[in-house]
Amino acid sequence: MAAPIIPDPDDPSHYQWESGPDAVAPVRPSASLGRRVLRWAGKIALAGLLCSVGSVALLRFIDPPMWSWRIERALFPPAKITQVRHQWVDLASISKELQLAVIAAEDQHFADHNGFDMDAINAALKHNQHSERVRGASTLSQQTAKNLFMWSDRSFLRKGLEAWFTLLMELGWDKARILEVYLNIVEFGPGIYGAEAAARTYFGKPASRLTRYESSLLAAALPNPWRYRVKPPSPYVQKRSVWIRRQMGQLGQITLNRVHQAD
């Protein structure tokens, strides 16, 4: 018995065309499926867009109780964490010495750029072409976006999303809010999040009373707080803290004034 012949859906000769004013052209299944996929993709993209804008808008006024970096550390810690310490405080309750120290250490053009330091990016690209040691160029705004919303890999997808959230934050927040959120969620050691927890853990005092020396030690450990010891300071932290204090002297109070006035 011969096998049945299955019509080719793409062959127009197999369609019966109606004539007259009420005639409806046939719809090819493959075209219909493609449109449905595009519609769903558009809906998902729109939902993601609205969620990202809405979350950044809310966090302009609401302090986040949890953030992605802390969740990832809880799920995949580099080593065992015995205790998690965190206490949110307003920027006014964080020593100006620490505010200036992290700017000096991580992003000296924080008051001037719109989230991305192009000079630092170009310098890092040139350095990385001729060195095995990779140099980063993330601003405080980018680091805040990463800590709040991102995961830890170096994929182009993550970098793209990080740039998007950075742009939203720069458009919707002032510099003081970005600095406040950064100083409250950044990791200063295993299970130690934020300036207040770091100040009480390492120095037995609130963040408002941190000295320039203590602030420079905390800022010096930021590249890798799991590796670099704050107290007693490791040789690297001690050496870098000297450089940070020198940079703080050059930046001066005028830098902080510009950050607090840039709203």
Protein backbone atom coordinates (compact mmCIF):
# COMPACT_ATOMS: atom_id res chain seq x y z
CA MET A 1 0.00 0.00 0.00
CA ALA A 2 1.45 3.38 -1.02
CA ALA A 3 2.25 5.89 1.68
CA PRO A 4 -0.13 8.87 1.85
CA ILE A 5 1.09 12.06 0.28
CA ILE A 6 1.32 14.87 2.82
CA PRO A 7 0.74 18.29 1.24
CA ASP A 8 3.45 20.89 1.62
CA PRO A 9 1.96 23.74 3.71
CA ASP A 10 4.21 26.21 1.91
CA ASP A 11 2.89 25.23 -1.54
CA PRO A 12 0.08 27.69 -2.44
CA SER A 13 -1.44 25.17 -4.87
CA HIS A 14 -2.74 23.14 -1.91
CA TYR A 15 -4.84 26.04 -0.57
CA GLN A 16 -8.42 26.60 -1.62
CA TRP A 17 -8.88 30.27 -2.32
CA GLU A 18 -12.28 31.83 -1.78
CA SER A 19 -13.54 34.57 -4.01
CA GLY A 20 -15.78 37.48 -3.29
CA PRO A 21 -15.78 40.37 -0.79
CA ASP A 22 -15.84 38.06 2.25
CA ALA A 23 -12.89 35.95 1.16
CA VAL A 24 -10.21 35.41 3.82
CA ALA A 25 -6.64 34.61 2.88
CA PRO A 26 -5.29 31.42 4.45
CA VAL A 27 -2.94 31.75 7.41
CA ARG A 28 0.19 29.68 7.31
CA PRO A 29 0.88 27.93 10.61
CA SER A 30 4.57 28.76 10.59
CA ALA A 31 3.90 32.49 10.13
CA SER A 32 1.29 32.47 12.89
CA LEU A 33 3.70 30.75 15.28
CA GLY A 34 6.43 33.27 14.49
CA ARG A 35 4.12 36.18 15.28
CA ARG A 36 3.09 34.58 18.58
CA VAL A 37 6.73 34.14 19.57
CA LEU A 38 7.46 37.75 18.71
CA ARG A 39 4.43 38.93 20.68
CA TRP A 40 5.48 36.96 23.76
CA ALA A 41 9.06 38.16 23.44
CA GLY A 42 7.81 41.72 23.25
CA LYS A 43 5.63 41.25 26.32
CA ILE A 44 8.52 39.76 28.30
CA ALA A 45 10.83 42.59 27.25
CA LEU A 46 8.22 45.18 28.20
CA ALA A 47 7.63 43.51 31.57
CA GLY A 48 11.37 43.46 32.27
CA LEU A 49 11.64 47.11 31.29
CA LEU A 50 8.78 48.13 33.58
CA CYS A 51 10.10 46.03 36.48
CA SER A 52 13.59 47.51 36.22
CA VAL A 53 12.33 51.08 36.04
CA GLY A 54 9.87 50.47 38.87
CA SER A 55 12.39 48.82 41.17
CA VAL A 56 14.96 51.59 40.70
CA ALA A 57 12.27 54.21 41.29
CA LEU A 58 11.16 52.53 44.54
CA LEU A 59 14.72 52.14 45.81
CA ARG A 60 15.21 55.87 45.46
CA PHE A 61 13.09 56.17 48.60
CA ILE A 62 13.04 52.67 50.14
CA ASP A 63 16.12 51.03 51.65
CA PRO A 64 16.51 47.52 50.17
CA PRO A 65 16.14 44.76 52.78
CA MET A 66 18.06 42.34 50.53
CA TRP A 67 20.16 42.54 47.37
CA SER A 68 21.53 40.13 44.80
CA TRP A 69 25.18 40.11 45.92
CA ARG A 70 24.22 39.17 49.48
CA ILE A 71 21.90 36.44 48.21
CA GLU A 72 24.64 34.99 46.02
CA ARG A 73 27.11 35.04 48.90
CA ALA A 74 24.59 33.20 51.09
CA LEU A 75 24.05 30.54 48.44
CA PHE A 76 27.63 30.22 47.20
CA PRO A 77 30.07 31.56 49.81
CA PRO A 78 33.81 31.38 49.02
CA ALA A 79 34.24 29.99 52.53
CA LYS A 80 32.09 29.29 55.54
CA ILE A 81 30.27 32.33 56.98
CA THR A 82 29.65 32.05 60.72
CA GLN A 83 27.63 35.23 61.11
CA VAL A 84 26.08 37.89 58.88
CA ARG A 85 26.23 41.49 60.11
CA HIS A 86 24.34 44.40 58.61
CA GLN A 87 22.65 47.56 59.85
CA TRP A 88 21.33 50.26 57.56
CA VAL A 89 22.16 53.87 58.44
CA ASP A 90 21.57 57.16 56.68
CA LEU A 91 24.44 58.79 54.84
CA ALA A 92 24.55 61.49 57.52
CA SER A 93 25.38 58.75 60.04
CA ILE A 94 28.42 57.61 58.08
CA SER A 95 31.70 59.40 58.67
CA LYS A 96 32.62 61.83 55.91
CA GLU A 97 36.08 60.32 56.15
CA LEU A 98 34.73 56.99 54.94
CA GLN A 99 32.63 58.65 52.26
CA LEU A 100 35.72 60.38 50.90
CA ALA A 101 37.88 57.27 51.36
CA VAL A 102 35.74 55.09 49.07
CA ILE A 103 35.62 57.84 46.46
CA ALA A 104 39.40 58.19 46.61
CA ALA A 105 39.88 54.43 46.37
CA GLU A 106 37.21 53.43 43.87
CA ASP A 107 35.98 56.37 41.79
CA GLN A 108 37.67 59.76 42.01
CA HIS A 109 35.44 61.22 39.26
CA PHE A 110 32.23 60.12 40.99
CA ALA A 111 30.89 63.68 41.28
CA ASP A 112 31.51 64.43 37.59
CA HIS A 113 30.45 61.46 35.48
CA ASN A 114 27.00 60.14 34.57
CA GLY A 115 27.67 56.60 35.72
CA PHE A 116 30.55 55.73 33.39
CA ASP A 117 34.11 57.07 33.56
CA MET A 118 35.20 56.91 29.94
CA ASP A 119 38.76 58.03 30.71
CA ALA A 120 39.14 55.20 33.24
CA ILE A 121 37.61 52.70 30.79
CA ASN A 122 40.03 53.69 28.02
CA ALA A 123 42.99 53.55 30.42
CA ALA A 124 41.93 50.09 31.63
CA LEU A 125 41.57 48.81 28.06
CA LYS A 126 45.07 49.99 27.18
CA HIS A 127 46.51 48.51 30.37
CA ASN A 128 44.81 45.14 29.88
CA GLN A 129 46.18 44.82 26.35
CA HIS A 130 49.73 44.72 27.69
CA SER A 131 49.32 43.15 31.12
CA GLU A 132 48.21 39.80 32.47
CA ARG A 133 46.75 41.54 35.51
CA VAL A 134 43.31 42.83 34.58
CA ARG A 135 42.42 46.33 35.72
CA GLY A 136 38.78 47.27 36.18
CA ALA A 137 37.12 50.62 35.57
CA SER A 138 33.76 50.28 37.30
CA THR A 139 32.43 53.43 38.91
CA LEU A 140 30.68 53.54 42.27
CA SER A 141 27.40 53.76 40.36
CA GLN A 142 28.20 50.59 38.40
CA GLN A 143 29.30 48.77 41.54
CA THR A 144 26.08 49.76 43.29
CA ALA A 145 24.02 48.48 40.36
CA LYS A 146 25.98 45.22 40.35
CA ASN A 147 25.62 44.67 44.09
CA LEU A 148 21.90 45.44 44.02
CA PHE A 149 20.71 43.65 40.91
CA MET A 150 23.41 41.51 39.27
CA TRP A 151 25.25 38.24 39.63
CA SER A 152 29.02 37.84 39.71
CA ASP A 153 30.07 36.52 36.29
CA ARG A 154 31.74 38.62 33.58
CA SER A 155 29.39 37.88 30.69
CA PHE A 156 28.34 40.51 28.17
CA LEU A 157 24.72 39.97 29.25
CA ARG A 158 25.51 40.87 32.85
CA LYS A 159 27.59 43.85 31.79
CA GLY A 160 24.78 45.06 29.56
CA LEU A 161 22.17 44.76 32.30
CA GLU A 162 24.54 46.42 34.76
CA ALA A 163 24.93 49.36 32.37
CA TRP A 164 21.14 49.63 32.02
CA PHE A 165 20.57 49.72 35.79
CA THR A 166 23.46 52.17 36.18
CA LEU A 167 21.81 54.49 33.68
CA LEU A 168 18.45 54.23 35.46
CA MET A 169 20.06 55.01 38.82
CA GLU A 170 21.93 58.00 37.46
CA LEU A 171 18.72 59.35 35.93
CA GLY A 172 16.50 58.72 38.96
CA TRP A 173 18.80 59.08 41.97
CA ASP A 174 21.13 61.82 43.12
CA LYS A 175 24.79 61.13 43.84
CA ALA A 176 24.23 61.19 47.60
CA ARG A 177 21.65 58.39 47.35
CA ILE A 178 23.97 56.28 45.20
CA LEU A 179 26.76 56.74 47.73
CA GLU A 180 24.42 55.96 50.63
CA VAL A 181 23.19 52.71 49.08
CA TYR A 182 26.73 51.71 48.11
CA LEU A 183 28.08 52.23 51.63
CA ASN A 184 25.21 50.24 53.13
CA ILE A 185 25.40 47.15 50.92
CA VAL A 186 29.08 46.85 49.99
CA GLU A 187 30.91 43.87 51.46
CA PHE A 188 33.71 44.73 53.90
CA GLY A 189 34.53 41.17 54.92
CA PRO A 190 33.00 37.68 55.20
CA GLY A 191 29.39 38.28 56.21
CA ILE A 192 30.04 41.98 56.93
CA TYR A 193 27.83 44.27 54.85
CA GLY A 194 27.76 48.03 55.04
CA ALA A 195 29.69 50.74 56.85
CA GLU A 196 27.92 50.41 60.20
CA ALA A 197 28.56 46.67 60.53
CA ALA A 198 32.16 47.12 59.42
CA ALA A 199 32.84 49.94 61.87
CA ARG A 200 31.41 48.01 64.82
CA THR A 201 33.07 44.72 63.85
CA TYR A 202 36.57 46.05 63.22
CA PHE A 203 36.77 49.12 65.46
CA GLY A 204 33.98 48.79 68.04
CA LYS A 205 32.35 52.09 67.16
CA PRO A 206 29.54 53.43 64.95
CA ALA A 207 30.30 54.42 61.39
CA SER A 208 29.78 58.09 62.26
CA ARG A 209 32.95 58.07 64.40
CA LEU A 210 35.38 56.45 61.98
CA THR A 211 38.69 58.28 61.65
CA ARG A 212 40.56 58.94 58.41
CA TYR A 213 43.02 56.14 59.17
CA GLU A 214 40.25 53.60 59.93
CA SER A 215 38.28 54.69 56.86
CA SER A 216 41.29 54.26 54.61
CA LEU A 217 41.81 50.71 55.91
CA LEU A 218 38.21 49.79 55.12
CA ALA A 219 38.42 51.33 51.65
CA ALA A 220 41.72 49.55 50.97
CA ALA A 221 40.08 46.15 51.46
CA LEU A 222 37.24 46.76 48.98
CA PRO A 223 38.80 45.11 45.92
CA ASN A 224 38.66 41.75 47.71
CA PRO A 225 37.41 41.87 51.32
CA TRP A 226 37.66 38.08 51.62
CA ARG A 227 41.36 38.22 50.86
CA TYR A 228 42.57 41.51 52.33
CA ARG A 229 42.61 41.81 56.12
CA VAL A 230 41.46 45.05 57.76
CA LYS A 231 42.43 44.38 61.39
CA PRO A 232 45.24 43.87 61.88
CA PRO A 233 45.87 45.26 58.38
CA SER A 234 47.68 43.04 55.93
CA PRO A 235 50.78 44.53 54.24
CA TYR A 236 48.76 45.26 51.09
CA VAL A 237 45.98 47.03 53.03
CA GLN A 238 48.52 49.03 55.01
CA LYS A 239 50.33 50.16 51.87
CA ARG A 240 47.17 50.95 49.91
CA SER A 241 45.66 52.86 52.84
CA VAL A 242 48.63 55.23 52.77
CA TRP A 243 47.95 55.94 49.10
CA ILE A 244 44.22 56.41 49.80
CA ARG A 245 44.88 58.95 52.54
CA ARG A 246 47.16 60.87 50.21
CA GLN A 247 44.41 60.91 47.56
CA MET A 248 41.87 62.01 50.16
CA GLY A 249 44.06 64.98 50.98
CA GLN A 250 44.16 65.97 47.32
CA LEU A 251 40.44 65.52 46.72
CA GLY A 252 39.46 67.38 49.89
CA GLN A 253 36.11 68.38 51.31
CA ILE A 254 35.18 70.11 48.08
CA THR A 255 34.69 66.70 46.43
CA LEU A 256 32.15 65.65 49.05
CA ASN A 257 30.40 69.01 48.76
CA ARG A 258 29.94 68.43 45.06
CA VAL A 259 28.57 64.94 45.68
CA HIS A 260 26.02 66.20 48.20
CA GLN A 261 25.02 69.13 46.02
CA ALA A 262 24.63 67.09 42.81
CA ASP A 263 20.91 66.45 43.21
